[in-house]
């Protein structure tokens, strides 16, 4: 299976796509202003103090900016420019900040719409300018697709190893390798990691559920009752109040779900790093499969932070991503997306109680998220060095690798996940300057 994108990926959107992005950015900024939902999982826990009046809007905005800026400029923008596909870091993280920044309710959607306009009208111009440079670092960044797609396949293996030990991890690793080789041989048009990831995630869930079932049987045999929070427990009261707050705004969340699902259906948006490259290659079924597996790693996190803070996720449990990719048209996507969000919001309390009874499944989600982060960090770093080599050979590797190491030595002012792509862009600009100074000759592709 080829993982190389066509040179010169385009960010030229149709009118319907432009209007969808602008409207969705306006809506998400408004929802952020209301402290009903944000995309950044790290910001959500801080919203409880804001909702209850213990902190100011400006202080919460500062937290949101500090936790999001590196992802916007170091990951979101480079990924969009190199794939020609929008992503949540570029679309939703800025509207988190702008919505919280707006001092008035009416100003938030205006700021959000303005950012949407920057995305749909400004990126294509920047994309065209970058591709016309002597050192085309955006085309070089497409080198990241192969390590991201293939190393991402291993995240279930890492999660199984961390939670259930080396023996099960080794079995999962061998099984995934066999399935990848078999897929490449028998179904060359399919993403090679698709079947392997499916089996790996199912294996992890099966092991976790089996462990919980055995533990519950042992507890019942020993006369131990389920550890459920009593109704008068402060945490139970907080969870109940948060769920009720979100249910009051159910129609607004349904509109949000419809909008996100329509954006995914238009195939100009990918929910993750690997997904963006798959969408760019037109492999929508494989992209849906990848984002569906990611859901298992984020449902417990999003559910518990939503119940604890009273603020939901802009993309919900992210189920609307894979569903949207597979929808036949935007109208069906809007209806289905609205229904999915309605079910998610109404089921939050039940999901919270269920997770309390399945500790191993809850732990699996933690291990999945950690494993996804570990695989992508390595893949993005390795892919960025491949991009550096493609655009500048040894000098490119020196500059990009040096910037990455300098960021590490300085205490990571740019988050590690975003540092390498940001270094590629900075390195590409520097190589163009050296070319104009007649100190560097671009490598011919």
Protein backbone atom coordinates (compact mmCIF):
# COMPACT_ATOMS: atom_id res chain seq x y z
CA UNK A 1 0.00 0.00 0.00
CA UNK A 2 1.38 3.40 -0.95
CA UNK A 3 1.43 5.96 1.81
CA UNK A 4 2.78 8.79 -0.32
CA UNK A 5 0.52 11.76 -0.98
CA UNK A 6 0.40 13.60 -4.23
CA UNK A 7 2.67 16.61 -4.28
CA UNK A 8 0.97 19.94 -3.78
CA UNK A 9 -1.93 19.02 -1.52
CA UNK A 10 -4.70 21.60 -1.87
CA UNK A 11 -6.61 23.54 0.77
CA UNK A 12 -9.00 25.04 -1.77
CA UNK A 13 -12.51 24.57 -0.34
CA UNK A 14 -15.92 24.82 -1.97
CA UNK A 15 -18.39 27.47 -0.81
CA UNK A 16 -20.39 24.90 1.16
CA UNK A 17 -17.24 23.69 2.90
CA UNK A 18 -16.13 27.24 3.69
CA UNK A 19 -19.52 28.13 5.18
CA UNK A 20 -19.58 24.91 7.24
CA UNK A 21 -16.16 25.60 8.76
CA UNK A 22 -17.00 29.26 9.52
CA UNK A 23 -20.39 28.39 11.05
CA UNK A 24 -18.94 25.56 13.13
CA UNK A 25 -16.12 27.76 14.43
CA UNK A 26 -18.70 30.39 15.41
CA UNK A 27 -20.77 27.76 17.23
CA UNK A 28 -17.83 26.19 19.07
CA UNK A 29 -16.57 29.60 20.20
CA UNK A 30 -20.04 30.42 21.56
CA UNK A 31 -20.21 27.10 23.40
CA UNK A 32 -16.73 27.68 24.84
CA UNK A 33 -17.78 31.15 26.01
CA UNK A 34 -20.70 29.52 27.84
CA UNK A 35 -18.24 27.03 29.41
CA UNK A 36 -20.44 24.22 28.09
CA UNK A 37 -17.70 22.42 26.17
CA UNK A 38 -14.07 22.74 25.10
CA UNK A 39 -11.92 20.55 22.89
CA UNK A 40 -8.76 20.52 25.04
CA UNK A 41 -9.12 17.76 27.64
CA UNK A 42 -6.55 19.50 29.84
CA UNK A 43 -8.62 22.69 30.03
CA UNK A 44 -11.91 21.02 30.97
CA UNK A 45 -11.09 20.39 34.66
CA UNK A 46 -10.33 24.12 35.13
CA UNK A 47 -13.80 25.09 33.97
CA UNK A 48 -15.50 24.00 37.20
CA UNK A 49 -13.90 26.89 39.10
CA UNK A 50 -14.96 29.28 36.33
CA UNK A 51 -18.53 27.95 36.25
CA UNK A 52 -18.80 28.29 40.03
CA UNK A 53 -17.29 31.79 40.00
CA UNK A 54 -14.04 30.98 41.79
CA UNK A 55 -11.83 32.19 38.94
CA UNK A 56 -12.03 34.83 36.22
CA UNK A 57 -12.58 34.58 32.49
CA UNK A 58 -9.14 36.06 31.79
CA UNK A 59 -7.41 33.53 34.04
CA UNK A 60 -9.23 30.64 32.39
CA UNK A 61 -8.34 32.05 28.96
CA UNK A 62 -4.67 32.14 29.97
CA UNK A 63 -4.83 28.47 30.98
CA UNK A 64 -6.51 27.55 27.69
CA UNK A 65 -3.92 29.45 25.64
CA UNK A 66 -1.01 27.98 27.55
CA UNK A 67 -2.25 24.41 27.07
CA UNK A 68 -3.29 24.83 23.43
CA UNK A 69 -0.91 27.20 21.61
CA UNK A 70 1.80 24.61 21.02
CA UNK A 71 -0.66 22.18 19.47
CA UNK A 72 -2.22 24.84 17.24
CA UNK A 73 0.97 26.18 15.69
CA UNK A 74 3.25 23.18 16.13
CA UNK A 75 0.89 20.35 15.13
CA UNK A 76 -2.43 21.63 13.79
CA UNK A 77 -1.11 24.06 11.18
CA UNK A 78 1.77 21.85 9.92
CA UNK A 79 -0.50 18.80 9.62
CA UNK A 80 -3.14 20.75 7.71
CA UNK A 81 -0.60 22.29 5.35
CA UNK A 82 1.17 18.99 4.66
CA UNK A 83 -1.97 16.86 4.17
CA UNK A 84 -4.49 19.35 2.78
CA UNK A 85 -6.92 18.15 5.49
CA UNK A 86 -8.13 20.18 8.48
CA UNK A 87 -7.78 18.80 12.01
CA UNK A 88 -9.26 19.51 15.44
CA UNK A 89 -6.11 21.20 16.78
CA UNK A 90 -6.38 23.85 14.07
CA UNK A 91 -10.17 24.20 14.03
CA UNK A 92 -11.31 23.69 17.64
CA UNK A 93 -8.41 24.67 19.94
CA UNK A 94 -8.39 28.32 18.75
CA UNK A 95 -12.16 28.58 19.25
CA UNK A 96 -11.67 27.26 22.80
CA UNK A 97 -9.43 30.27 23.43
CA UNK A 98 -11.43 32.86 21.48
CA UNK A 99 -14.73 31.84 23.03
CA UNK A 100 -13.34 32.06 26.53
CA UNK A 101 -11.56 35.33 25.70
CA UNK A 102 -14.72 37.09 24.46
CA UNK A 103 -16.10 39.36 27.22
CA UNK A 104 -19.61 39.34 25.72
CA UNK A 105 -21.78 36.45 24.55
CA UNK A 106 -22.49 38.04 21.16
CA UNK A 107 -18.78 38.61 20.47
CA UNK A 108 -17.76 34.96 20.87
CA UNK A 109 -19.39 33.64 17.64
CA UNK A 110 -18.03 36.64 15.72
CA UNK A 111 -14.46 35.84 16.84
CA UNK A 112 -15.01 32.16 16.10
CA UNK A 113 -16.35 32.90 12.61
CA UNK A 114 -13.35 35.16 11.98
CA UNK A 115 -11.00 32.30 12.84
CA UNK A 116 -12.96 29.99 10.54
CA UNK A 117 -12.50 32.52 7.75
CA UNK A 118 -8.76 32.63 8.41
CA UNK A 119 -8.65 28.84 8.16
CA UNK A 120 -10.58 28.49 4.90
CA UNK A 121 -9.22 31.57 3.11
CA UNK A 122 -5.76 32.03 4.58
CA UNK A 123 -4.35 28.51 4.63
CA UNK A 124 -4.61 27.96 0.88
CA UNK A 125 -2.63 31.13 0.21
CA UNK A 126 0.06 30.08 2.67
CA UNK A 127 0.02 26.61 1.13
CA UNK A 128 0.55 27.94 -2.40
CA UNK A 129 3.36 30.27 -1.31
CA UNK A 130 5.15 27.46 0.55
CA UNK A 131 4.95 25.09 -2.40
CA UNK A 132 6.48 27.73 -4.67
CA UNK A 133 9.56 28.13 -2.46
CA UNK A 134 12.91 26.69 -3.62
CA UNK A 135 12.86 24.37 -0.57
CA UNK A 136 9.31 22.95 -0.52
CA UNK A 137 9.13 21.89 3.11
CA UNK A 138 5.38 21.13 2.95
CA UNK A 139 5.85 18.43 0.33
CA UNK A 140 8.79 17.13 2.39
CA UNK A 141 6.49 16.89 5.43
CA UNK A 142 4.42 14.28 3.60
CA UNK A 143 7.27 11.92 4.50
CA UNK A 144 5.64 11.74 7.93
CA UNK A 145 2.73 9.69 6.59
CA UNK A 146 4.51 6.32 6.50
CA UNK A 147 5.88 6.25 10.07
CA UNK A 148 2.67 7.72 11.48
CA UNK A 149 0.42 5.18 9.78
CA UNK A 150 2.54 2.12 10.48
CA UNK A 151 3.82 2.88 13.99
CA UNK A 152 0.32 3.93 15.06
CA UNK A 153 -0.71 0.35 14.33
CA UNK A 154 1.24 -0.77 17.41
CA UNK A 155 -0.66 1.21 20.03
CA UNK A 156 -2.84 -1.77 21.12
CA UNK A 157 0.34 -3.85 21.63
CA UNK A 158 1.83 -1.20 23.91
CA UNK A 159 -1.41 -0.87 25.87
CA UNK A 160 -1.70 -4.65 26.36
CA UNK A 161 1.94 -4.89 27.48
CA UNK A 162 1.57 -2.06 30.01
CA UNK A 163 -1.62 -3.45 31.51
CA UNK A 164 -1.26 -7.23 31.22
CA UNK A 165 2.47 -7.83 31.02
CA UNK A 166 5.15 -8.96 28.60
CA UNK A 167 3.64 -12.35 27.77
CA UNK A 168 0.34 -10.96 26.49
CA UNK A 169 2.19 -8.04 24.90
CA UNK A 170 4.47 -10.42 23.02
CA UNK A 171 1.51 -12.47 21.79
CA UNK A 172 -0.25 -9.31 20.62
CA UNK A 173 2.89 -8.06 18.88
CA UNK A 174 3.45 -11.29 16.95
CA UNK A 175 -0.23 -11.48 16.03
CA UNK A 176 -0.27 -7.89 14.75
CA UNK A 177 2.90 -8.45 12.69
CA UNK A 178 1.37 -11.54 11.08
CA UNK A 179 -1.83 -9.65 10.30
CA UNK A 180 0.04 -6.68 8.79
CA UNK A 181 2.10 -8.95 6.52
CA UNK A 182 -1.02 -10.93 5.56
CA UNK A 183 -2.97 -7.76 4.77
CA UNK A 184 -0.16 -6.38 2.60
CA UNK A 185 -0.01 -9.66 0.71
CA UNK A 186 -3.70 -10.48 0.31
CA UNK A 187 -5.38 -7.05 0.32
CA UNK A 188 -2.79 -4.55 -0.99
CA UNK A 189 -5.37 -1.78 -1.44
CA UNK A 190 -6.33 -1.88 2.25
CA UNK A 191 -4.45 0.08 4.93
CA UNK A 192 -2.00 -2.54 6.17
CA UNK A 193 -2.61 -1.85 9.86
CA UNK A 194 -6.42 -1.90 9.75
CA UNK A 195 -6.99 -5.55 10.61
CA UNK A 196 -4.09 -5.65 13.07
CA UNK A 197 -5.44 -2.68 15.04
CA UNK A 198 -8.92 -4.21 15.13
CA UNK A 199 -7.65 -7.46 16.59
CA UNK A 200 -5.33 -5.66 19.02
CA UNK A 201 -8.07 -3.41 20.43
CA UNK A 202 -10.52 -6.32 20.70
CA UNK A 203 -7.84 -8.35 22.49
CA UNK A 204 -7.25 -5.52 24.99
CA UNK A 205 -10.96 -5.07 25.68
CA UNK A 206 -11.44 -8.83 26.00
CA UNK A 207 -8.62 -9.13 28.54
CA UNK A 208 -9.94 -6.19 30.56
CA UNK A 209 -13.56 -7.38 30.62
CA UNK A 210 -12.44 -10.91 31.52
CA UNK A 211 -10.42 -9.57 34.43
CA UNK A 212 -13.33 -7.46 35.71
CA UNK A 213 -15.77 -10.37 35.43
CA UNK A 214 -13.43 -12.64 37.38
CA UNK A 215 -12.95 -9.98 40.05
CA UNK A 216 -16.69 -9.38 40.43
CA UNK A 217 -17.30 -13.11 40.81
CA UNK A 218 -14.59 -13.31 43.45
CA UNK A 219 -16.06 -10.30 45.26
CA UNK A 220 -19.55 -11.80 45.28
CA UNK A 221 -18.19 -15.09 46.57
CA UNK A 222 -16.47 -13.19 49.39
CA UNK A 223 -19.61 -11.18 50.15
CA UNK A 224 -18.15 -7.86 48.96
CA UNK A 225 -20.69 -5.40 47.55
CA UNK A 226 -20.16 -3.00 44.67
CA UNK A 227 -18.41 0.21 45.62
CA UNK A 228 -21.04 2.72 44.54
CA UNK A 229 -21.11 6.33 45.71
CA UNK A 230 -24.02 6.99 48.11
CA UNK A 231 -26.51 9.62 47.03
CA UNK A 232 -25.35 12.04 49.75
CA UNK A 233 -21.69 11.79 48.72
CA UNK A 234 -20.35 15.20 47.54
CA UNK A 235 -18.90 13.66 44.36
CA UNK A 236 -22.21 11.99 43.51
CA UNK A 237 -23.97 15.32 44.01
CA UNK A 238 -21.42 17.09 41.77
CA UNK A 239 -21.74 14.47 39.02
CA UNK A 240 -25.52 14.71 39.13
CA UNK A 241 -25.50 18.51 38.94
CA UNK A 242 -23.02 18.48 36.04
CA UNK A 243 -25.06 15.95 34.06
CA UNK A 244 -28.22 17.99 34.66
CA UNK A 245 -26.47 21.18 33.48
CA UNK A 246 -25.44 19.55 30.21
CA UNK A 247 -28.92 18.07 29.64
CA UNK A 248 -30.45 21.56 29.91
CA UNK A 249 -28.53 22.54 26.78
CA UNK A 250 -29.30 19.34 24.86
CA UNK A 251 -30.65 21.14 21.72
CA UNK A 252 -27.44 23.18 21.46
CA UNK A 253 -25.32 20.04 21.79
CA UNK A 254 -27.39 18.35 19.08
CA UNK A 255 -26.63 21.24 16.73
CA UNK A 256 -22.94 20.89 17.63
CA UNK A 257 -23.01 17.14 16.93
CA UNK A 258 -24.67 17.78 13.58
CA UNK A 259 -22.03 20.34 12.62
CA UNK A 260 -19.03 18.20 13.55
CA UNK A 261 -20.48 15.17 11.77
CA UNK A 262 -21.15 17.21 8.60
CA UNK A 263 -17.57 18.54 8.65
CA UNK A 264 -16.26 14.96 8.86
CA UNK A 265 -18.61 13.86 6.07
CA UNK A 266 -17.17 16.49 3.72
CA UNK A 267 -13.79 14.69 3.89
CA UNK A 268 -11.87 17.91 4.48
CA UNK A 269 -11.28 17.08 8.14
CA UNK A 270 -9.46 14.31 9.99
CA UNK A 271 -9.80 13.62 13.70
CA UNK A 272 -6.17 12.56 14.26
CA UNK A 273 -2.67 12.45 12.83
CA UNK A 274 -3.03 9.08 11.11
CA UNK A 275 -6.59 9.88 10.07
CA UNK A 276 -5.55 13.07 8.30
CA UNK A 277 -3.21 11.15 5.99
CA UNK A 278 -5.84 8.45 5.34
CA UNK A 279 -8.47 11.08 4.49
CA UNK A 280 -5.97 12.79 2.18
CA UNK A 281 -5.47 9.47 0.38
CA UNK A 282 -9.24 8.92 0.05
CA UNK A 283 -9.26 5.90 2.38
CA UNK A 284 -12.35 6.92 4.33
CA UNK A 285 -13.30 3.48 5.65
CA UNK A 286 -9.81 2.98 7.07
CA UNK A 287 -9.89 6.48 8.57
CA UNK A 288 -13.21 5.65 10.24
CA UNK A 289 -11.72 2.47 11.65
CA UNK A 290 -8.69 4.28 13.10
CA UNK A 291 -10.77 6.99 14.78
CA UNK A 292 -13.26 4.42 16.06
CA UNK A 293 -10.49 2.63 17.96
CA UNK A 294 -9.33 5.92 19.48
CA UNK A 295 -12.79 6.36 20.98
CA UNK A 296 -12.12 3.56 23.49
CA UNK A 297 -9.19 5.51 24.89
CA UNK A 298 -11.13 8.72 25.41
CA UNK A 299 -14.66 7.80 26.56
CA UNK A 300 -13.67 7.39 30.26
CA UNK A 301 -11.57 10.58 30.24
CA UNK A 302 -14.22 12.70 28.56
CA UNK A 303 -17.08 11.24 30.61
CA UNK A 304 -15.38 11.70 33.98
CA UNK A 305 -14.06 15.21 33.26
CA UNK A 306 -17.49 16.23 31.92
CA UNK A 307 -19.24 14.92 35.04
CA UNK A 308 -16.66 16.53 37.32
CA UNK A 309 -16.58 19.93 35.59
CA UNK A 310 -19.98 20.38 33.97
CA UNK A 311 -18.33 20.95 30.56
CA UNK A 312 -18.43 18.45 27.70
CA UNK A 313 -16.05 17.81 24.79
CA UNK A 314 -16.51 19.80 21.57
CA UNK A 315 -16.37 16.52 19.65
CA UNK A 316 -18.14 14.56 22.38
CA UNK A 317 -16.73 11.06 22.63
CA UNK A 318 -15.41 11.63 19.05
CA UNK A 319 -17.79 8.99 17.67
CA UNK A 320 -19.09 11.59 15.21
CA UNK A 321 -15.73 11.52 13.42
CA UNK A 322 -15.83 7.92 12.11
CA UNK A 323 -19.59 8.06 11.61
CA UNK A 324 -19.27 11.25 9.59
CA UNK A 325 -16.58 9.84 7.29
CA UNK A 326 -18.98 7.08 6.23
CA UNK A 327 -22.18 9.10 5.79
CA UNK A 328 -23.51 9.33 2.19
CA UNK A 329 -24.37 13.05 2.30
CA UNK A 330 -24.31 16.06 4.67
CA UNK A 331 -28.04 15.90 5.42
CA UNK A 332 -27.90 12.36 6.75
CA UNK A 333 -24.68 13.24 8.60
CA UNK A 334 -26.41 16.20 10.33
CA UNK A 335 -29.30 14.04 11.55
CA UNK A 336 -27.08 11.19 12.71
CA UNK A 337 -24.58 13.54 14.37
CA UNK A 338 -27.36 15.27 16.31
CA UNK A 339 -28.75 11.93 17.49
CA UNK A 340 -25.31 10.65 18.52
CA UNK A 341 -24.69 13.73 20.66
CA UNK A 342 -28.15 13.47 22.19
CA UNK A 343 -27.50 9.88 23.23
CA UNK A 344 -24.04 10.75 24.59
CA UNK A 345 -25.26 13.65 26.73
CA UNK A 346 -28.28 11.75 28.05
CA UNK A 347 -26.17 8.69 28.84
CA UNK A 348 -23.36 10.50 30.70
CA UNK A 349 -24.55 9.60 34.20
CA UNK A 350 -25.08 5.97 33.25
CA UNK A 351 -21.65 5.77 31.61
CA UNK A 352 -20.05 7.24 34.74
CA UNK A 353 -21.71 4.61 36.94
CA UNK A 354 -20.77 1.80 34.52
CA UNK A 355 -17.13 2.85 34.45
CA UNK A 356 -17.12 2.75 38.24
CA UNK A 357 -17.97 -0.96 38.06
CA UNK A 358 -15.36 -1.81 35.40
CA UNK A 359 -11.99 -0.67 36.79
CA UNK A 360 -9.90 -2.75 34.35
CA UNK A 361 -11.77 -1.36 31.35
CA UNK A 362 -11.26 2.13 32.77
CA UNK A 363 -7.55 1.39 33.19
CA UNK A 364 -7.43 0.12 29.59
CA UNK A 365 -8.50 3.53 28.33
CA UNK A 366 -5.65 5.14 30.27
CA UNK A 367 -3.17 2.69 28.76
CA UNK A 368 -4.65 3.22 25.28
CA UNK A 369 -4.23 6.99 25.49
CA UNK A 370 -0.69 6.60 26.79
CA UNK A 371 0.16 4.11 24.04
CA UNK A 372 -1.31 6.37 21.34
CA UNK A 373 0.84 9.22 22.63
CA UNK A 374 3.99 7.07 22.75
CA UNK A 375 3.58 5.71 19.21
CA UNK A 376 2.74 9.09 17.72
CA UNK A 377 5.62 10.86 19.47
CA UNK A 378 8.10 8.42 17.94
CA UNK A 379 6.35 8.41 14.56
CA UNK A 380 6.15 12.20 14.33
CA UNK A 381 9.78 12.63 15.38
CA UNK A 382 10.99 9.98 12.94
CA UNK A 383 8.79 11.36 10.15
CA UNK A 384 9.99 14.89 10.80
CA UNK A 385 13.61 13.76 10.47
CA UNK A 386 12.67 12.02 7.21
CA UNK A 387 11.15 15.30 6.04
CA UNK A 388 14.30 17.14 7.10
CA UNK A 389 16.41 14.73 5.09
CA UNK A 390 14.13 15.10 2.04
CA UNK A 391 14.38 18.89 2.03
CA UNK A 392 17.96 19.41 3.16
CA UNK A 393 19.90 16.17 3.55
CA UNK A 394 22.35 16.19 6.44
CA UNK A 395 21.99 19.94 6.96
CA UNK A 396 18.22 19.54 7.19
CA UNK A 397 18.58 16.81 9.81
CA UNK A 398 21.06 18.98 11.73
CA UNK A 399 18.70 21.95 11.81
CA UNK A 400 15.46 20.08 12.54
CA UNK A 401 17.01 17.63 14.99
CA UNK A 402 18.92 20.45 16.64
CA UNK A 403 15.77 22.53 17.12
CA UNK A 404 13.99 19.52 18.62
CA UNK A 405 16.85 18.84 21.04
CA UNK A 406 17.09 22.52 21.93
CA UNK A 407 13.38 22.50 22.77
CA UNK A 408 13.96 19.52 25.07
CA UNK A 409 16.94 21.22 26.75
CA UNK A 410 14.90 24.39 27.33
CA UNK A 411 12.19 22.49 29.20
CA UNK A 412 9.86 22.02 26.22
CA UNK A 413 8.37 25.48 25.61
CA UNK A 414 6.74 23.72 22.65
CA UNK A 415 5.02 20.47 23.65
CA UNK A 416 6.94 17.40 22.54
CA UNK A 417 4.24 16.16 20.13
CA UNK A 418 4.30 19.45 18.23
CA UNK A 419 8.01 20.27 18.51
CA UNK A 420 9.25 18.18 15.57
CA UNK A 421 6.72 19.40 12.94
CA UNK A 422 7.28 22.96 14.10
CA UNK A 423 11.04 22.38 13.71
CA UNK A 424 10.48 21.21 10.12
CA UNK A 425 8.68 24.45 9.23
CA UNK A 426 11.29 26.63 10.95
CA UNK A 427 14.05 24.55 9.36
CA UNK A 428 12.42 24.85 5.94
CA UNK A 429 12.24 28.65 6.26
CA UNK A 430 15.89 28.75 7.36
CA UNK A 431 16.99 26.60 4.39
CA UNK A 432 15.17 28.95 2.01
CA UNK A 433 16.98 31.91 3.57
CA UNK A 434 20.30 30.08 3.11
CA UNK A 435 19.35 29.43 -0.53
CA UNK A 436 18.65 33.13 -1.13
CA UNK A 437 22.05 33.90 0.44
CA UNK A 438 23.59 31.40 -2.00
CA UNK A 439 24.72 29.20 0.88
CA UNK A 440 22.54 26.16 0.18
CA UNK A 441 21.49 24.19 -2.89
CA UNK A 442 18.06 22.48 -2.58
CA UNK A 443 17.91 18.72 -2.98
CA UNK A 444 16.09 17.73 -6.14
CA UNK A 445 13.25 15.26 -5.49
